[in-house]
Amino acid sequence: MSEIQTDLSRLNEKQRQAVVSECKRLLVLAGAGSGKTKTLLQKLIYLIEEKGINPSNILAITFTRNAANEMLDRLIISADTFC
């Protein structure tokens, strides 16, 4: 596992709970602009960096192409900061 600590300081309490949840399945349901994509992205980073999960073993689903593209872009940028 990585020694890098996932930065959860920019998340509110509910978002933090979703990120560190040990549930195998997690539904993030909230209104527009509430930070769902940010929360899901932080969850992915947390699983990979903190829990040592292989990225190919993670399934993340979003319901819009725009959100999916945004998540991919942010993950690429995040991966560049860890190298």
Protein backbone atom coordinates (compact mmCIF):
# COMPACT_ATOMS: atom_id res chain seq x y z
CA MET A 1 0.00 0.00 0.00
CA SER A 2 1.06 3.56 -0.62
CA GLU A 3 2.39 5.91 2.03
CA ILE A 4 0.46 8.78 0.44
CA GLN A 5 -2.53 9.91 2.48
CA THR A 6 -5.59 10.73 0.41
CA ASP A 7 -6.48 14.40 0.98
CA LEU A 8 -10.07 14.49 2.20
CA SER A 9 -9.88 18.05 3.54
CA ARG A 10 -11.91 19.52 0.67
CA LEU A 11 -14.84 17.19 1.28
CA ASN A 12 -17.78 17.80 3.58
CA GLU A 13 -18.71 15.23 6.23
CA LYS A 14 -21.16 13.26 4.07
CA GLN A 15 -18.67 13.15 1.20
CA ARG A 16 -15.92 11.93 3.57
CA GLN A 17 -18.23 9.21 4.88
CA ALA A 18 -18.87 8.02 1.32
CA VAL A 19 -15.15 7.98 0.49
CA VAL A 20 -14.03 5.98 3.53
CA SER A 21 -17.08 3.68 3.62
CA GLU A 22 -16.19 -0.01 3.76
CA CYS A 23 -19.36 -0.96 1.84
CA LYS A 24 -18.70 -2.94 -1.33
CA ARG A 25 -21.47 -1.05 -3.13
CA LEU A 26 -22.13 2.63 -2.60
CA LEU A 27 -24.78 4.91 -4.03
CA VAL A 28 -24.03 8.63 -4.06
CA LEU A 29 -27.32 10.38 -4.70
CA ALA A 30 -27.45 14.18 -4.53
CA GLY A 31 -28.50 17.22 -6.51
CA ALA A 32 -26.72 18.98 -9.34
CA GLY A 33 -23.50 20.70 -8.36
CA SER A 34 -23.30 19.00 -4.98
CA GLY A 35 -19.96 17.29 -5.56
CA LYS A 36 -20.97 13.77 -6.62
CA THR A 37 -18.24 13.51 -9.24
CA LYS A 38 -15.64 14.88 -6.83
CA THR A 39 -16.73 12.37 -4.20
CA LEU A 40 -16.62 9.44 -6.61
CA LEU A 41 -13.21 10.50 -7.87
CA GLN A 42 -11.87 10.74 -4.30
CA LYS A 43 -13.34 7.29 -3.57
CA LEU A 44 -11.47 5.84 -6.55
CA ILE A 45 -8.21 7.47 -5.47
CA TYR A 46 -8.77 6.31 -1.88
CA LEU A 47 -9.37 2.71 -2.96
CA ILE A 48 -6.27 2.66 -5.14
CA GLU A 49 -3.87 4.63 -2.95
CA GLU A 50 -5.01 3.76 0.57
CA LYS A 51 -6.54 0.31 0.19
CA GLY A 52 -4.20 -0.98 -2.52
CA ILE A 53 -7.06 -2.06 -4.80
CA ASN A 54 -6.06 -2.83 -8.37
CA PRO A 55 -7.81 -0.25 -10.62
CA SER A 56 -8.95 -3.03 -12.98
CA ASN A 57 -11.02 -4.45 -10.09
CA ILE A 58 -13.06 -1.26 -9.65
CA LEU A 59 -16.33 -0.54 -11.42
CA ALA A 60 -17.50 3.07 -11.24
CA ILE A 61 -20.75 4.04 -12.91
CA THR A 62 -22.12 7.46 -13.64
CA PHE A 63 -25.21 8.29 -15.62
CA THR A 64 -23.94 10.96 -17.95
CA ARG A 65 -21.21 10.90 -20.55
CA ASN A 66 -20.11 14.34 -19.40
CA ALA A 67 -19.53 13.14 -15.83
CA ALA A 68 -17.70 10.04 -17.07
CA ASN A 69 -15.39 12.14 -19.26
CA GLU A 70 -14.79 14.57 -16.40
CA MET A 71 -13.89 11.69 -14.08
CA LEU A 72 -11.42 10.27 -16.60
CA ASP A 73 -9.81 13.68 -17.08
CA ARG A 74 -9.50 14.21 -13.32
CA LEU A 75 -8.11 10.71 -12.75
CA ILE A 76 -5.44 11.30 -15.39
CA ILE A 77 -4.49 14.60 -13.77
CA SER A 78 -4.45 12.97 -10.31
CA ALA A 79 -2.29 10.10 -11.57
CA ASP A 80 0.20 12.61 -12.97
CA THR A 81 0.61 14.21 -9.51
CA PHE A 82 1.54 10.86 -7.92
CA CYS A 83 4.32 10.09 -10.41
